[in-house]
Structures are given as C-alpha cells and as structure tokens.
C-alpha cells in the first residue's frame, strides 16, 4: 500500500440502514404522488361534471329560461376550473374545485324533488343520479388532495434541506460518503502529525 493510500482511506460503500431522514423523504414522496393522483382524478371528475351539465343543457334545458342559462354557465365554469386545477395543481385552485363541486352537489340535492322555476325537478333520472355521483366523488378526491397539499405547505412536497445535519435537526454521526476518513495511525507514522 502506498503512503497516500494509507493516509486517506475511503469508507466502504456498505448499505446504510434506513434513517429518519430517509423515512421522512419516502413519506413526502408517497404523499406527493398520492396528492398528484388525486388532483388529476378530481380534475377529471370536474371535467366529467362539466360535460354532464352541457349534455343536460343541450338535451333538456336549451330553451328553458333561466335554469337553462344557469346550467350552461355552470358547465362552462366547471370546464375552465377543471383545466386550471389539472394544469396548476396549487392548493388554492384544488380547494376552489372541491368547493365548486360541493356547492354544485348541494344545489342539485336542494333543487331535486321540488318545483324550481316552474319545472318539476327529479333526482330519479339517469343524468341527475350520475351527476350527483360524479360530483360527490370529485369533491372527495379534491378535498383529500387539498388536505395533502396543505400538509406539505401548499406546494409539491419537497423535503427541507439542512446543512450539516439530518432533517430532524440533529447532527450526522456517520462519515459522509463524499469525504474520506482520516487514518490517524498512518498520519503519525508518516510524520505529518506527532
């Protein structure tokens, strides 16, 4: 073994046991992946709600004022909101999508079974039941995604970076893989330290 090799000895690349930081990072990754999937699912259900509103308007309420106008406005608003939710995926827009779907479902349930604007409404039809199910599922997906986004600070979950320590703030005990471990005996034999 040559003298420089004896002085600086690189640690062997042994598999490290899972640390608290690694566990936190894994949890953030899982939460981030689940949140992203729920945002996309909720946005898709919001888009489906938009399509159902526009189909209902085209088939039944095109010539009915004022409820026909309200249905088409709600369909267009849901379309725009779905595209914004899916593309931006921020806490504010995800929460807005969840609130929109909740209010839309409440309005459907309140107006169902009563006479509104001179027309008898019913929830027993295929479109109303399907719309209620789509909006409820979309609300659950977006509300859950908003909760996950809120717990990660309102943005995609990223671990906090610390200098010279672990994610929980404690100091690192093991030597870094990037820095060599000094062999004190080799340094004293070579005369560098006495």
Protein backbone atom coordinates (compact mmCIF):
# COMPACT_ATOMS: atom_id res chain seq x y z
CA UNK A 1 0.00 0.00 0.00
CA UNK A 2 1.46 3.35 -0.97
CA UNK A 3 1.73 6.17 1.52
CA UNK A 4 -1.10 8.38 0.15
CA UNK A 5 -3.44 5.37 0.18
CA UNK A 6 -2.54 4.70 3.81
CA UNK A 7 -3.26 8.30 4.83
CA UNK A 8 -6.66 8.67 3.22
CA UNK A 9 -8.92 5.67 3.42
CA UNK A 10 -12.30 5.91 1.71
CA UNK A 11 -15.19 4.32 3.58
CA UNK A 12 -16.52 1.16 2.02
CA UNK A 13 -19.83 1.56 0.20
CA UNK A 14 -21.91 -0.50 2.63
CA UNK A 15 -25.67 -0.27 2.53
CA UNK A 16 -26.84 2.19 5.14
CA UNK A 17 -29.79 1.33 7.36
CA UNK A 18 -32.89 3.45 6.82
CA UNK A 19 -32.53 6.71 8.66
CA UNK A 20 -35.19 9.00 9.98
CA UNK A 21 -34.49 11.41 7.13
CA UNK A 22 -34.92 8.68 4.53
CA UNK A 23 -38.23 7.67 6.13
CA UNK A 24 -39.43 11.29 6.03
CA UNK A 25 -38.39 11.63 2.37
CA UNK A 26 -40.24 8.42 1.48
CA UNK A 27 -43.35 9.67 3.25
CA UNK A 28 -43.16 13.00 1.37
CA UNK A 29 -42.76 11.17 -1.95
CA UNK A 30 -45.74 8.90 -1.27
CA UNK A 31 -47.86 11.84 -0.11
CA UNK A 32 -46.85 13.89 -3.13
CA UNK A 33 -47.63 11.05 -5.55
CA UNK A 34 -50.99 10.38 -3.91
CA UNK A 35 -51.83 14.09 -3.91
CA UNK A 36 -50.93 14.45 -7.59
CA UNK A 37 -53.03 11.41 -8.49
CA UNK A 38 -56.00 12.74 -6.51
CA UNK A 39 -55.71 16.17 -8.16
CA UNK A 40 -55.77 14.58 -11.60
CA UNK A 41 -58.66 12.27 -10.64
CA UNK A 42 -60.62 15.16 -9.10
CA UNK A 43 -59.91 17.37 -12.11
CA UNK A 44 -61.10 14.62 -14.45
CA UNK A 45 -64.31 14.24 -12.42
CA UNK A 46 -64.77 18.01 -12.50
CA UNK A 47 -64.38 17.80 -16.28
CA UNK A 48 -66.96 14.98 -16.38
CA UNK A 49 -69.33 17.16 -14.34
CA UNK A 50 -68.86 19.90 -16.92
CA UNK A 51 -69.65 17.55 -19.79
CA UNK A 52 -72.74 16.22 -18.00
CA UNK A 53 -74.01 19.75 -17.36
CA UNK A 54 -73.56 20.66 -21.03
CA UNK A 55 -75.28 17.44 -22.17
CA UNK A 56 -78.21 18.06 -19.79
CA UNK A 57 -78.48 21.61 -21.06
CA UNK A 58 -78.37 20.52 -24.73
CA UNK A 59 -80.94 17.74 -24.31
CA UNK A 60 -83.42 19.23 -21.84
CA UNK A 61 -82.87 22.86 -20.88
CA UNK A 62 -81.69 24.65 -24.02
CA UNK A 63 -84.90 26.63 -24.37
CA UNK A 64 -85.75 26.89 -20.66
CA UNK A 65 -85.02 30.25 -19.04
CA UNK A 66 -83.46 30.98 -16.52
CA UNK A 67 -82.45 27.48 -15.45
CA UNK A 68 -81.04 26.61 -18.89
CA UNK A 69 -78.70 29.57 -18.74
CA UNK A 70 -77.59 28.62 -15.21
CA UNK A 71 -76.81 25.05 -16.30
CA UNK A 72 -74.73 26.13 -19.30
CA UNK A 73 -72.83 28.71 -17.22
CA UNK A 74 -72.14 26.05 -14.59
CA UNK A 75 -70.93 23.64 -17.30
CA UNK A 76 -68.57 26.22 -18.81
CA UNK A 77 -67.29 27.29 -15.38
CA UNK A 78 -66.62 23.65 -14.45
CA UNK A 79 -64.74 23.14 -17.73
CA UNK A 80 -62.48 26.16 -17.15
CA UNK A 81 -61.94 25.25 -13.48
CA UNK A 82 -61.10 21.64 -14.37
CA UNK A 83 -58.43 22.75 -16.82
CA UNK A 84 -56.94 25.18 -14.28
CA UNK A 85 -56.96 22.58 -11.47
CA UNK A 86 -55.28 19.93 -13.62
CA UNK A 87 -52.68 22.28 -15.08
CA UNK A 88 -51.71 24.32 -11.99
CA UNK A 89 -52.31 21.82 -9.14
CA UNK A 90 -51.95 24.51 -6.48
CA UNK A 91 -53.71 24.42 -3.12
CA UNK A 92 -55.96 27.38 -3.90
CA UNK A 93 -57.26 26.03 -7.19
CA UNK A 94 -57.68 22.49 -5.85
CA UNK A 95 -59.68 23.85 -2.91
CA UNK A 96 -61.74 26.01 -5.31
CA UNK A 97 -62.54 22.90 -7.37
CA UNK A 98 -63.60 20.99 -4.25
CA UNK A 99 -65.82 23.87 -3.09
CA UNK A 100 -67.33 24.23 -6.57
CA UNK A 101 -68.23 20.53 -6.66
CA UNK A 102 -69.63 20.60 -3.11
CA UNK A 103 -71.85 23.60 -3.84
CA UNK A 104 -72.94 22.10 -7.15
CA UNK A 105 -73.91 18.84 -5.43
CA UNK A 106 -75.78 20.70 -2.68
CA UNK A 107 -77.66 22.74 -5.30
CA UNK A 108 -78.57 19.56 -7.17
CA UNK A 109 -79.86 17.91 -4.00
CA UNK A 110 -81.81 21.01 -2.90
CA UNK A 111 -83.41 21.57 -6.28
CA UNK A 112 -84.16 17.87 -6.84
CA UNK A 113 -87.70 16.81 -5.99
CA UNK A 114 -89.06 20.37 -5.87
CA UNK A 115 -90.55 22.64 -8.43
CA UNK A 116 -87.96 25.21 -9.45
CA UNK A 117 -88.53 27.99 -11.98
CA UNK A 118 -91.87 26.41 -12.88
CA UNK A 119 -90.39 22.98 -13.74
CA UNK A 120 -90.64 19.80 -11.69
CA UNK A 121 -87.14 18.50 -10.98
CA UNK A 122 -86.35 14.90 -10.11
CA UNK A 123 -83.19 13.09 -8.99
CA UNK A 124 -84.51 9.73 -10.18
CA UNK A 125 -83.33 10.30 -13.76
CA UNK A 126 -80.10 8.83 -15.06
CA UNK A 127 -78.34 12.14 -15.58
CA UNK A 128 -79.15 13.53 -12.13
CA UNK A 129 -78.02 10.39 -10.31
CA UNK A 130 -74.85 10.15 -12.41
CA UNK A 131 -74.11 13.84 -11.95
CA UNK A 132 -74.56 13.56 -8.19
CA UNK A 133 -72.19 10.57 -8.02
CA UNK A 134 -69.55 12.24 -10.23
CA UNK A 135 -69.66 15.48 -8.25
CA UNK A 136 -69.50 13.71 -4.87
CA UNK A 137 -66.54 11.57 -5.94
CA UNK A 138 -64.80 14.63 -7.40
CA UNK A 139 -65.34 16.57 -4.18
CA UNK A 140 -63.87 13.73 -2.10
CA UNK A 141 -60.82 13.45 -4.38
CA UNK A 142 -60.13 17.20 -4.50
CA UNK A 143 -60.78 17.77 -0.78
CA UNK A 144 -58.37 14.96 0.10
CA UNK A 145 -55.79 16.33 -2.34
CA UNK A 146 -56.20 19.81 -0.82
CA UNK A 147 -55.57 18.34 2.62
CA UNK A 148 -52.40 16.64 1.39
CA UNK A 149 -51.23 19.82 -0.33
CA UNK A 150 -51.93 21.85 2.80
CA UNK A 151 -49.90 19.48 4.96
CA UNK A 152 -46.98 19.85 2.56
CA UNK A 153 -47.07 23.65 2.63
CA UNK A 154 -49.39 24.25 -0.33
CA UNK A 155 -46.93 23.10 -2.97
CA UNK A 156 -45.48 19.87 -4.20
CA UNK A 157 -43.95 18.10 -1.23
CA UNK A 158 -40.21 18.66 -1.06
CA UNK A 159 -38.02 17.84 1.91
CA UNK A 160 -36.36 20.73 3.69
CA UNK A 161 -32.63 20.92 3.15
CA UNK A 162 -30.36 21.23 6.13
CA UNK A 163 -26.65 21.96 6.23
CA UNK A 164 -24.53 19.57 8.27
CA UNK A 165 -27.40 17.68 9.82
CA UNK A 166 -30.35 15.41 9.43
CA UNK A 167 -33.86 16.51 8.51
CA UNK A 168 -34.85 16.49 12.20
CA UNK A 169 -32.04 18.95 13.05
CA UNK A 170 -29.63 16.53 14.78
CA UNK A 171 -26.01 16.20 13.72
CA UNK A 172 -24.79 13.48 11.37
CA UNK A 173 -22.96 10.68 13.21
CA UNK A 174 -21.63 8.58 10.34
CA UNK A 175 -18.91 9.83 7.95
CA UNK A 176 -20.14 11.20 4.66
CA UNK A 177 -19.67 9.11 1.53
CA UNK A 178 -18.09 12.14 -0.14
CA UNK A 179 -15.36 12.77 2.44
CA UNK A 180 -12.55 10.32 3.18
CA UNK A 181 -11.97 9.10 6.72
CA UNK A 182 -8.53 10.05 8.07
CA UNK A 183 -6.33 7.23 9.30
CA UNK A 184 -4.61 8.83 12.32
CA UNK A 185 -2.09 5.99 12.72
CA UNK A 186 -0.92 6.38 9.11
CA UNK A 187 -0.59 10.15 9.59
CA UNK A 188 1.59 9.74 12.66
CA UNK A 189 3.80 7.05 11.00
CA UNK A 190 4.40 9.31 8.01
CA UNK A 191 5.49 12.14 10.26
CA UNK A 192 2.68 14.50 9.32
CA UNK A 193 1.43 14.60 12.93
CA UNK A 194 3.42 13.73 16.04
